[in-house]
Amino acid sequence: MLATKKKQTIIKKNQIHDKDTGSPEVQVAVLSSQIDALAKHLKKHKKDNHSRRGLIKMVADRRTHLKYLERKSKPRYTALMKKMDLA
């Protein structure tokens, strides 16, 4: 889980307008930071299979949001991929 302050800063960096908390860009950014934190945890705790399952679900969810964004707006998708350094 992300701390509230950290999550708010991630949202502020990636939001499209002032009250944006649910756009695909914001959701991908939050999921990416959660994935990074969980991957770091799993490097230390190699046998934590329950958390590994959660990581796989988060990666699949992020991929779904990225596919949606690519289908709806290609320029926003490419900008997000560059910004998040995912590709």
N, C-alpha and C. Protein backbone atom coordinates (compact mmCIF):
# COMPACT_ATOMS: atom_id res chain seq x y z
N MET A 1 0.83 -1.18 0.00
CA MET A 1 0.00 0.00 0.00
C MET A 1 0.88 1.25 0.00
N LEU A 2 0.41 2.24 -0.70
CA LEU A 2 1.12 3.52 -0.74
C LEU A 2 0.64 4.42 0.38
N ALA A 3 1.54 5.23 0.88
CA ALA A 3 1.15 6.24 1.86
C ALA A 3 0.29 7.29 1.15
N THR A 4 -0.61 7.90 1.90
CA THR A 4 -1.54 8.86 1.32
C THR A 4 -0.81 10.03 0.67
N LYS A 5 0.20 10.55 1.33
CA LYS A 5 0.96 11.69 0.79
C LYS A 5 1.62 11.33 -0.53
N LYS A 6 2.23 10.15 -0.58
CA LYS A 6 2.92 9.71 -1.80
C LYS A 6 1.92 9.53 -2.94
N LYS A 7 0.77 8.95 -2.62
CA LYS A 7 -0.25 8.74 -3.63
C LYS A 7 -0.77 10.08 -4.16
N GLN A 8 -0.95 11.05 -3.28
CA GLN A 8 -1.42 12.37 -3.69
C GLN A 8 -0.42 13.06 -4.61
N THR A 9 0.87 12.91 -4.33
CA THR A 9 1.87 13.54 -5.20
C THR A 9 1.89 12.87 -6.57
N ILE A 10 1.72 11.56 -6.60
CA ILE A 10 1.66 10.85 -7.88
C ILE A 10 0.46 11.33 -8.69
N ILE A 11 -0.68 11.48 -8.02
CA ILE A 11 -1.89 11.94 -8.70
C ILE A 11 -1.69 13.36 -9.23
N LYS A 12 -1.10 14.24 -8.42
CA LYS A 12 -0.87 15.63 -8.85
C LYS A 12 0.03 15.70 -10.09
N LYS A 13 1.03 14.84 -10.15
CA LYS A 13 1.95 14.85 -11.29
C LYS A 13 1.29 14.38 -12.58
N ASN A 14 0.29 13.51 -12.48
CA ASN A 14 -0.26 12.88 -13.68
C ASN A 14 -1.68 13.27 -14.03
N GLN A 15 -2.29 14.14 -13.25
CA GLN A 15 -3.68 14.47 -13.53
C GLN A 15 -3.80 15.41 -14.73
N ILE A 16 -4.91 15.31 -15.42
CA ILE A 16 -5.17 16.11 -16.61
C ILE A 16 -5.72 17.48 -16.22
N HIS A 17 -6.62 17.51 -15.24
CA HIS A 17 -7.17 18.76 -14.73
C HIS A 17 -7.16 18.71 -13.20
N ASP A 18 -7.59 19.78 -12.55
CA ASP A 18 -7.43 19.92 -11.11
C ASP A 18 -8.10 18.84 -10.28
N LYS A 19 -9.27 18.39 -10.69
CA LYS A 19 -10.02 17.41 -9.89
C LYS A 19 -9.93 16.00 -10.47
N ASP A 20 -8.97 15.75 -11.31
CA ASP A 20 -8.82 14.45 -11.96
C ASP A 20 -8.15 13.45 -11.02
N THR A 21 -8.88 12.38 -10.69
CA THR A 21 -8.28 11.30 -9.90
C THR A 21 -8.49 9.94 -10.53
N GLY A 22 -9.25 9.86 -11.63
CA GLY A 22 -9.58 8.57 -12.18
C GLY A 22 -9.25 8.37 -13.64
N SER A 23 -8.53 9.29 -14.25
CA SER A 23 -8.17 9.12 -15.65
C SER A 23 -7.20 7.94 -15.79
N PRO A 24 -7.11 7.36 -16.97
CA PRO A 24 -6.18 6.24 -17.16
C PRO A 24 -4.74 6.60 -16.82
N GLU A 25 -4.34 7.83 -17.10
CA GLU A 25 -2.97 8.25 -16.79
C GLU A 25 -2.69 8.18 -15.29
N VAL A 26 -3.63 8.66 -14.50
CA VAL A 26 -3.47 8.64 -13.04
C VAL A 26 -3.48 7.21 -12.53
N GLN A 27 -4.40 6.40 -13.04
CA GLN A 27 -4.50 5.02 -12.57
C GLN A 27 -3.25 4.23 -12.91
N VAL A 28 -2.70 4.43 -14.09
CA VAL A 28 -1.48 3.72 -14.49
C VAL A 28 -0.31 4.17 -13.61
N ALA A 29 -0.24 5.46 -13.31
CA ALA A 29 0.85 5.96 -12.48
C ALA A 29 0.78 5.39 -11.06
N VAL A 30 -0.41 5.35 -10.49
CA VAL A 30 -0.57 4.80 -9.14
C VAL A 30 -0.25 3.31 -9.14
N LEU A 31 -0.77 2.59 -10.12
CA LEU A 31 -0.49 1.15 -10.21
C LEU A 31 1.00 0.89 -10.40
N SER A 32 1.67 1.72 -11.20
CA SER A 32 3.10 1.52 -11.43
C SER A 32 3.90 1.69 -10.15
N SER A 33 3.54 2.67 -9.34
CA SER A 33 4.27 2.85 -8.09
C SER A 33 3.98 1.73 -7.11
N GLN A 34 2.76 1.22 -7.11
CA GLN A 34 2.43 0.08 -6.26
C GLN A 34 3.17 -1.17 -6.73
N ILE A 35 3.27 -1.34 -8.03
CA ILE A 35 3.99 -2.48 -8.59
C ILE A 35 5.47 -2.42 -8.21
N ASP A 36 6.05 -1.24 -8.30
CA ASP A 36 7.45 -1.08 -7.92
C ASP A 36 7.68 -1.42 -6.45
N ALA A 37 6.79 -0.94 -5.59
CA ALA A 37 6.93 -1.21 -4.16
C ALA A 37 6.77 -2.70 -3.86
N LEU A 38 5.81 -3.33 -4.52
CA LEU A 38 5.58 -4.75 -4.27
C LEU A 38 6.70 -5.61 -4.85
N ALA A 39 7.25 -5.20 -5.97
CA ALA A 39 8.37 -5.94 -6.55
C ALA A 39 9.58 -5.88 -5.62
N LYS A 40 9.79 -4.71 -5.02
CA LYS A 40 10.89 -4.56 -4.06
C LYS A 40 10.67 -5.47 -2.85
N HIS A 41 9.42 -5.55 -2.38
CA HIS A 41 9.08 -6.43 -1.26
C HIS A 41 9.34 -7.89 -1.61
N LEU A 42 8.97 -8.27 -2.84
CA LEU A 42 9.11 -9.67 -3.24
C LEU A 42 10.56 -10.08 -3.46
N LYS A 43 11.44 -9.13 -3.73
CA LYS A 43 12.86 -9.47 -3.83
C LYS A 43 13.41 -9.89 -2.48
N LYS A 44 12.87 -9.29 -1.43
CA LYS A 44 13.31 -9.62 -0.08
C LYS A 44 12.62 -10.88 0.44
N HIS A 45 11.33 -11.01 0.13
CA HIS A 45 10.52 -12.13 0.62
C HIS A 45 10.12 -13.01 -0.56
N LYS A 46 11.00 -13.88 -0.95
CA LYS A 46 10.83 -14.67 -2.17
C LYS A 46 9.67 -15.67 -2.11
N LYS A 47 9.30 -16.12 -0.92
CA LYS A 47 8.26 -17.15 -0.80
C LYS A 47 6.87 -16.58 -0.52
N ASP A 48 6.71 -15.29 -0.61
CA ASP A 48 5.43 -14.65 -0.35
C ASP A 48 4.55 -14.75 -1.59
N ASN A 49 3.90 -15.90 -1.74
CA ASN A 49 3.11 -16.17 -2.94
C ASN A 49 1.80 -15.39 -2.97
N HIS A 50 1.25 -15.04 -1.83
CA HIS A 50 0.01 -14.28 -1.80
C HIS A 50 0.24 -12.87 -2.37
N SER A 51 1.34 -12.26 -2.00
CA SER A 51 1.66 -10.93 -2.53
C SER A 51 2.02 -11.02 -4.01
N ARG A 52 2.64 -12.12 -4.40
CA ARG A 52 2.99 -12.32 -5.81
C ARG A 52 1.74 -12.35 -6.67
N ARG A 53 0.69 -12.98 -6.15
CA ARG A 53 -0.58 -13.04 -6.88
C ARG A 53 -1.16 -11.63 -7.03
N GLY A 54 -1.07 -10.81 -5.97
CA GLY A 54 -1.53 -9.43 -6.05
C GLY A 54 -0.74 -8.63 -7.06
N LEU A 55 0.57 -8.88 -7.13
CA LEU A 55 1.41 -8.20 -8.12
C LEU A 55 0.98 -8.55 -9.53
N ILE A 56 0.71 -9.81 -9.78
CA ILE A 56 0.28 -10.23 -11.11
C ILE A 56 -1.05 -9.57 -11.48
N LYS A 57 -1.96 -9.46 -10.51
CA LYS A 57 -3.24 -8.80 -10.77
C LYS A 57 -3.05 -7.33 -11.09
N MET A 58 -2.12 -6.67 -10.37
CA MET A 58 -1.86 -5.25 -10.63
C MET A 58 -1.26 -5.04 -12.01
N VAL A 59 -0.34 -5.90 -12.40
CA VAL A 59 0.28 -5.79 -13.72
C VAL A 59 -0.78 -5.97 -14.81
N ALA A 60 -1.68 -6.93 -14.61
CA ALA A 60 -2.75 -7.16 -15.59
C ALA A 60 -3.69 -5.96 -15.65
N ASP A 61 -3.99 -5.38 -14.50
CA ASP A 61 -4.87 -4.21 -14.45
C ASP A 61 -4.23 -3.02 -15.15
N ARG A 62 -2.93 -2.83 -14.93
CA ARG A 62 -2.22 -1.73 -15.59
C ARG A 62 -2.21 -1.95 -17.11
N ARG A 63 -1.99 -3.17 -17.53
CA ARG A 63 -2.00 -3.47 -18.96
C ARG A 63 -3.38 -3.18 -19.57
N THR A 64 -4.44 -3.49 -18.83
CA THR A 64 -5.79 -3.22 -19.30
C THR A 64 -6.02 -1.71 -19.48
N HIS A 65 -5.57 -0.92 -18.50
CA HIS A 65 -5.72 0.53 -18.61
C HIS A 65 -4.91 1.08 -19.78
N LEU A 66 -3.72 0.53 -20.00
CA LEU A 66 -2.90 0.99 -21.12
C LEU A 66 -3.53 0.64 -22.46
N LYS A 67 -4.11 -0.55 -22.57
CA LYS A 67 -4.78 -0.93 -23.82
C LYS A 67 -5.97 -0.02 -24.08
N TYR A 68 -6.72 0.30 -23.03
CA TYR A 68 -7.86 1.20 -23.17
C TYR A 68 -7.40 2.57 -23.67
N LEU A 69 -6.37 3.09 -23.05
CA LEU A 69 -5.87 4.42 -23.43
C LEU A 69 -5.33 4.40 -24.86
N GLU A 70 -4.66 3.34 -25.25
CA GLU A 70 -4.15 3.24 -26.62
C GLU A 70 -5.30 3.22 -27.62
N ARG A 71 -6.38 2.54 -27.27
CA ARG A 71 -7.53 2.44 -28.16
C ARG A 71 -8.27 3.78 -28.27
N LYS A 72 -8.37 4.51 -27.17
CA LYS A 72 -9.14 5.75 -27.15
C LYS A 72 -8.35 6.96 -27.63
N SER A 73 -7.08 7.05 -27.24
CA SER A 73 -6.29 8.24 -27.60
C SER A 73 -4.82 7.86 -27.72
N LYS A 74 -4.39 7.64 -28.94
CA LYS A 74 -3.02 7.24 -29.20
C LYS A 74 -1.98 8.28 -28.74
N PRO A 75 -2.21 9.60 -28.95
CA PRO A 75 -1.21 10.58 -28.49
C PRO A 75 -1.04 10.57 -26.97
N ARG A 76 -2.14 10.44 -26.23
CA ARG A 76 -2.05 10.39 -24.77
C ARG A 76 -1.32 9.13 -24.33
N TYR A 77 -1.56 8.04 -25.05
CA TYR A 77 -0.90 6.77 -24.72
C TYR A 77 0.62 6.88 -24.91
N THR A 78 1.05 7.43 -26.04
CA THR A 78 2.49 7.53 -26.29
C THR A 78 3.14 8.51 -25.31
N ALA A 79 2.43 9.58 -24.96
CA ALA A 79 2.97 10.53 -23.99
C ALA A 79 3.14 9.87 -22.62
N LEU A 80 2.16 9.06 -22.23
CA LEU A 80 2.24 8.38 -20.94
C LEU A 80 3.35 7.34 -20.93
N MET A 81 3.51 6.62 -22.04
CA MET A 81 4.57 5.61 -22.11
C MET A 81 5.95 6.26 -21.97
N LYS A 82 6.13 7.42 -22.61
CA LYS A 82 7.40 8.14 -22.49
C LYS A 82 7.61 8.66 -21.07
N LYS A 83 6.56 9.23 -20.51
CA LYS A 83 6.64 9.82 -19.18
C LYS A 83 6.91 8.77 -18.11
N MET A 84 6.26 7.62 -18.20
CA MET A 84 6.40 6.57 -17.20
C MET A 84 7.59 5.64 -17.50
N ASP A 85 8.17 5.80 -18.69
CA ASP A 85 9.30 4.97 -19.12
C ASP A 85 8.94 3.49 -19.07
N LEU A 86 7.80 3.15 -19.68
CA LEU A 86 7.29 1.77 -19.66
C LEU A 86 7.70 0.98 -20.91
N ALA A 87 7.95 1.66 -21.99
CA ALA A 87 8.23 0.92 -23.22
C ALA A 87 9.71 0.83 -23.51
